[in-house]
N, C-alpha and C. Protein backbone atom coordinates (compact mmCIF):
# COMPACT_ATOMS: atom_id res chain seq x y z
N MET A 1 14.74 17.92 -2.06
CA MET A 1 14.50 16.81 -1.16
C MET A 1 13.53 17.24 -0.06
N VAL A 2 12.55 16.38 0.21
CA VAL A 2 11.57 16.67 1.26
C VAL A 2 12.19 16.35 2.60
N LYS A 3 12.18 17.31 3.51
CA LYS A 3 12.78 17.11 4.82
C LYS A 3 11.77 17.19 5.94
N SER A 4 10.50 17.31 5.62
CA SER A 4 9.45 17.41 6.62
C SER A 4 9.48 16.18 7.52
N ARG A 5 9.44 16.41 8.82
CA ARG A 5 9.52 15.31 9.79
C ARG A 5 8.41 14.28 9.61
N PRO A 6 7.13 14.68 9.48
CA PRO A 6 6.10 13.66 9.28
C PRO A 6 6.33 12.83 8.02
N PHE A 7 6.77 13.48 6.95
CA PHE A 7 7.01 12.74 5.71
C PHE A 7 8.15 11.75 5.90
N ARG A 8 9.22 12.15 6.56
CA ARG A 8 10.36 11.26 6.78
C ARG A 8 9.96 10.08 7.66
N GLN A 9 9.16 10.35 8.69
CA GLN A 9 8.67 9.25 9.56
C GLN A 9 7.82 8.28 8.75
N GLU A 10 6.94 8.84 7.94
CA GLU A 10 6.06 8.04 7.09
C GLU A 10 6.90 7.18 6.14
N ALA A 11 7.85 7.81 5.47
CA ALA A 11 8.69 7.10 4.50
C ALA A 11 9.51 6.00 5.17
N ALA A 12 10.00 6.24 6.38
CA ALA A 12 10.79 5.24 7.09
C ALA A 12 9.96 3.99 7.40
N ILE A 13 8.72 4.19 7.80
CA ILE A 13 7.85 3.05 8.09
C ILE A 13 7.48 2.31 6.81
N VAL A 14 7.17 3.05 5.74
CA VAL A 14 6.85 2.41 4.46
C VAL A 14 8.05 1.62 3.95
N TRP A 15 9.24 2.18 4.12
CA TRP A 15 10.46 1.47 3.71
C TRP A 15 10.59 0.15 4.47
N LYS A 16 10.34 0.17 5.78
CA LYS A 16 10.41 -1.07 6.57
C LYS A 16 9.37 -2.07 6.08
N LEU A 17 8.17 -1.59 5.76
CA LEU A 17 7.13 -2.48 5.24
C LEU A 17 7.52 -3.03 3.87
N TYR A 18 8.22 -2.23 3.07
CA TYR A 18 8.72 -2.68 1.77
C TYR A 18 9.76 -3.77 1.96
N GLU A 19 10.70 -3.53 2.86
CA GLU A 19 11.74 -4.52 3.12
C GLU A 19 11.17 -5.82 3.69
N ALA A 20 10.06 -5.72 4.43
CA ALA A 20 9.42 -6.89 5.01
C ALA A 20 8.54 -7.64 4.01
N GLY A 21 8.39 -7.09 2.80
CA GLY A 21 7.59 -7.74 1.78
C GLY A 21 6.10 -7.43 1.86
N VAL A 22 5.71 -6.52 2.74
CA VAL A 22 4.30 -6.13 2.84
C VAL A 22 3.96 -5.19 1.70
N VAL A 23 4.72 -4.11 1.58
CA VAL A 23 4.54 -3.17 0.46
C VAL A 23 5.33 -3.71 -0.72
N ARG A 24 4.66 -3.86 -1.86
CA ARG A 24 5.29 -4.41 -3.06
C ARG A 24 5.65 -3.35 -4.08
N GLU A 25 4.82 -2.31 -4.16
CA GLU A 25 5.00 -1.30 -5.20
C GLU A 25 4.37 0.01 -4.73
N ILE A 26 5.00 1.13 -5.08
CA ILE A 26 4.45 2.45 -4.77
C ILE A 26 4.53 3.29 -6.05
N CYS A 27 3.41 3.89 -6.43
CA CYS A 27 3.35 4.73 -7.63
C CYS A 27 2.59 6.01 -7.31
N TYR A 28 3.04 7.12 -7.90
CA TYR A 28 2.24 8.34 -7.83
C TYR A 28 1.01 8.18 -8.71
N ARG A 29 -0.10 8.75 -8.30
CA ARG A 29 -1.30 8.76 -9.12
C ARG A 29 -1.23 9.90 -10.11
N GLU A 30 -1.64 9.67 -11.33
CA GLU A 30 -1.67 10.71 -12.35
C GLU A 30 -2.95 11.53 -12.27
N ASP A 31 -4.03 10.89 -11.85
CA ASP A 31 -5.35 11.53 -11.88
C ASP A 31 -5.62 12.45 -10.70
N MET A 32 -4.83 12.34 -9.64
CA MET A 32 -5.04 13.16 -8.46
C MET A 32 -3.78 13.12 -7.60
N ARG A 33 -3.73 13.96 -6.60
CA ARG A 33 -2.58 13.97 -5.70
C ARG A 33 -2.68 12.76 -4.77
N GLY A 34 -1.63 12.00 -4.73
CA GLY A 34 -1.62 10.83 -3.86
C GLY A 34 -0.77 9.72 -4.46
N VAL A 35 -0.77 8.60 -3.77
CA VAL A 35 -0.01 7.44 -4.22
C VAL A 35 -0.88 6.20 -4.22
N PHE A 36 -0.44 5.23 -5.00
CA PHE A 36 -1.03 3.90 -5.02
C PHE A 36 0.01 2.98 -4.41
N ILE A 37 -0.40 2.16 -3.46
CA ILE A 37 0.50 1.19 -2.85
C ILE A 37 -0.08 -0.20 -3.07
N SER A 38 0.70 -1.05 -3.70
CA SER A 38 0.34 -2.46 -3.83
C SER A 38 0.99 -3.18 -2.65
N ALA A 39 0.19 -3.94 -1.91
CA ALA A 39 0.70 -4.59 -0.70
C ALA A 39 0.15 -6.00 -0.56
N ASP A 40 0.87 -6.84 0.15
CA ASP A 40 0.45 -8.21 0.43
C ASP A 40 0.18 -8.36 1.92
N ALA A 41 -0.91 -9.04 2.23
CA ALA A 41 -1.25 -9.31 3.63
C ALA A 41 -2.19 -10.50 3.68
N GLU A 42 -2.31 -11.09 4.87
CA GLU A 42 -3.23 -12.20 5.07
C GLU A 42 -4.67 -11.81 4.73
N ASN A 43 -5.03 -10.58 5.13
CA ASN A 43 -6.38 -10.08 4.90
C ASN A 43 -6.38 -8.56 5.04
N ALA A 44 -7.49 -7.95 4.70
CA ALA A 44 -7.59 -6.48 4.74
C ALA A 44 -7.40 -5.95 6.16
N SER A 45 -7.88 -6.68 7.14
CA SER A 45 -7.77 -6.24 8.53
C SER A 45 -6.30 -6.16 8.97
N SER A 46 -5.51 -7.17 8.63
CA SER A 46 -4.10 -7.15 9.04
C SER A 46 -3.33 -6.06 8.28
N LEU A 47 -3.70 -5.82 7.02
CA LEU A 47 -3.06 -4.75 6.27
C LEU A 47 -3.40 -3.39 6.86
N LEU A 48 -4.66 -3.21 7.20
CA LEU A 48 -5.09 -1.95 7.82
C LEU A 48 -4.36 -1.71 9.13
N GLN A 49 -4.16 -2.75 9.91
CA GLN A 49 -3.40 -2.63 11.16
C GLN A 49 -1.98 -2.14 10.89
N GLU A 50 -1.34 -2.68 9.86
CA GLU A 50 0.03 -2.25 9.51
C GLU A 50 0.03 -0.80 9.03
N LEU A 51 -0.90 -0.45 8.14
CA LEU A 51 -0.90 0.89 7.56
C LEU A 51 -1.35 1.96 8.55
N ASN A 52 -2.12 1.59 9.55
CA ASN A 52 -2.52 2.55 10.58
C ASN A 52 -1.35 2.99 11.46
N ARG A 53 -0.20 2.34 11.33
CA ARG A 53 1.01 2.77 12.03
C ARG A 53 1.62 4.00 11.39
N LEU A 54 1.24 4.29 10.14
CA LEU A 54 1.80 5.45 9.45
C LEU A 54 1.31 6.73 10.12
N PRO A 55 2.24 7.62 10.48
CA PRO A 55 1.85 8.84 11.21
C PRO A 55 0.78 9.68 10.51
N MET A 56 0.89 9.85 9.20
CA MET A 56 -0.08 10.71 8.51
C MET A 56 -1.43 10.03 8.34
N VAL A 57 -1.46 8.70 8.36
CA VAL A 57 -2.73 7.98 8.36
C VAL A 57 -3.35 8.08 9.75
N ARG A 58 -2.53 7.82 10.76
CA ARG A 58 -3.00 7.89 12.16
C ARG A 58 -3.54 9.27 12.50
N ASP A 59 -2.88 10.33 11.98
CA ASP A 59 -3.31 11.71 12.25
C ASP A 59 -4.37 12.20 11.28
N GLU A 60 -4.87 11.30 10.42
CA GLU A 60 -5.92 11.59 9.44
C GLU A 60 -5.55 12.66 8.42
N VAL A 61 -4.25 12.77 8.14
CA VAL A 61 -3.78 13.65 7.07
C VAL A 61 -3.97 12.91 5.73
N LEU A 62 -3.78 11.61 5.76
CA LEU A 62 -3.98 10.75 4.59
C LEU A 62 -5.11 9.78 4.88
N SER A 63 -5.82 9.42 3.82
CA SER A 63 -6.87 8.41 3.97
C SER A 63 -6.49 7.19 3.14
N LEU A 64 -7.05 6.06 3.50
CA LEU A 64 -6.75 4.80 2.83
C LEU A 64 -8.00 4.24 2.17
N GLU A 65 -7.81 3.57 1.06
CA GLU A 65 -8.85 2.77 0.45
C GLU A 65 -8.21 1.41 0.16
N ILE A 66 -8.67 0.39 0.85
CA ILE A 66 -8.11 -0.94 0.67
C ILE A 66 -9.05 -1.73 -0.23
N ILE A 67 -8.49 -2.26 -1.30
CA ILE A 67 -9.25 -3.05 -2.27
C ILE A 67 -8.63 -4.44 -2.31
N ALA A 68 -9.37 -5.44 -1.86
CA ALA A 68 -8.88 -6.82 -1.86
C ALA A 68 -8.91 -7.36 -3.29
N LEU A 69 -7.84 -8.01 -3.68
CA LEU A 69 -7.72 -8.56 -5.04
C LEU A 69 -7.57 -10.07 -4.97
N LEU A 70 -7.96 -10.73 -6.03
CA LEU A 70 -7.78 -12.17 -6.19
C LEU A 70 -6.90 -12.41 -7.41
N PRO A 71 -6.21 -13.55 -7.45
CA PRO A 71 -5.40 -13.86 -8.63
C PRO A 71 -6.28 -13.95 -9.88
N PHE A 72 -5.74 -13.51 -11.00
CA PHE A 72 -6.45 -13.60 -12.27
C PHE A 72 -6.38 -15.04 -12.76
N THR A 73 -7.52 -15.64 -13.03
CA THR A 73 -7.55 -17.04 -13.48
C THR A 73 -8.09 -17.17 -14.90
N GLY A 74 -8.27 -16.06 -15.59
CA GLY A 74 -8.84 -16.08 -16.93
C GLY A 74 -8.04 -16.85 -17.95
N PHE A 75 -6.71 -16.81 -17.85
CA PHE A 75 -5.88 -17.52 -18.81
C PHE A 75 -6.10 -19.03 -18.72
N LYS A 76 -6.24 -19.53 -17.52
CA LYS A 76 -6.44 -20.96 -17.32
C LYS A 76 -7.72 -21.43 -18.04
N ALA A 77 -8.78 -20.68 -17.89
CA ALA A 77 -10.03 -21.04 -18.55
C ALA A 77 -9.91 -20.88 -20.07
N LEU A 78 -9.23 -19.88 -20.51
CA LEU A 78 -9.09 -19.61 -21.93
C LEU A 78 -8.27 -20.67 -22.66
N PHE A 79 -7.20 -21.10 -22.03
CA PHE A 79 -6.27 -22.03 -22.69
C PHE A 79 -6.38 -23.47 -22.18
N LYS A 80 -7.46 -23.77 -21.47
CA LYS A 80 -7.66 -25.13 -20.97
C LYS A 80 -7.77 -26.10 -22.15
N SER A 81 -7.06 -27.19 -22.07
CA SER A 81 -7.06 -28.19 -23.18
C SER A 81 -8.28 -29.07 -23.13
């Protein structure tokens, strides 16, 4: 079990964001060291504001890459009557 104080602080905040419905999914990356977080927010700016509260992000131990996504609409076009 990881007992490092920064990690525990980080995890506690992520857990609160998960419970609040901001963080939807967390996965370890296979291709490199790190995690993928799927999150919901009004926009990238509001998400960045939430994630900048994380101690290791704030202290520049971790970096973020925010990629805005749109709903997939391909099925609608494919199966349109």
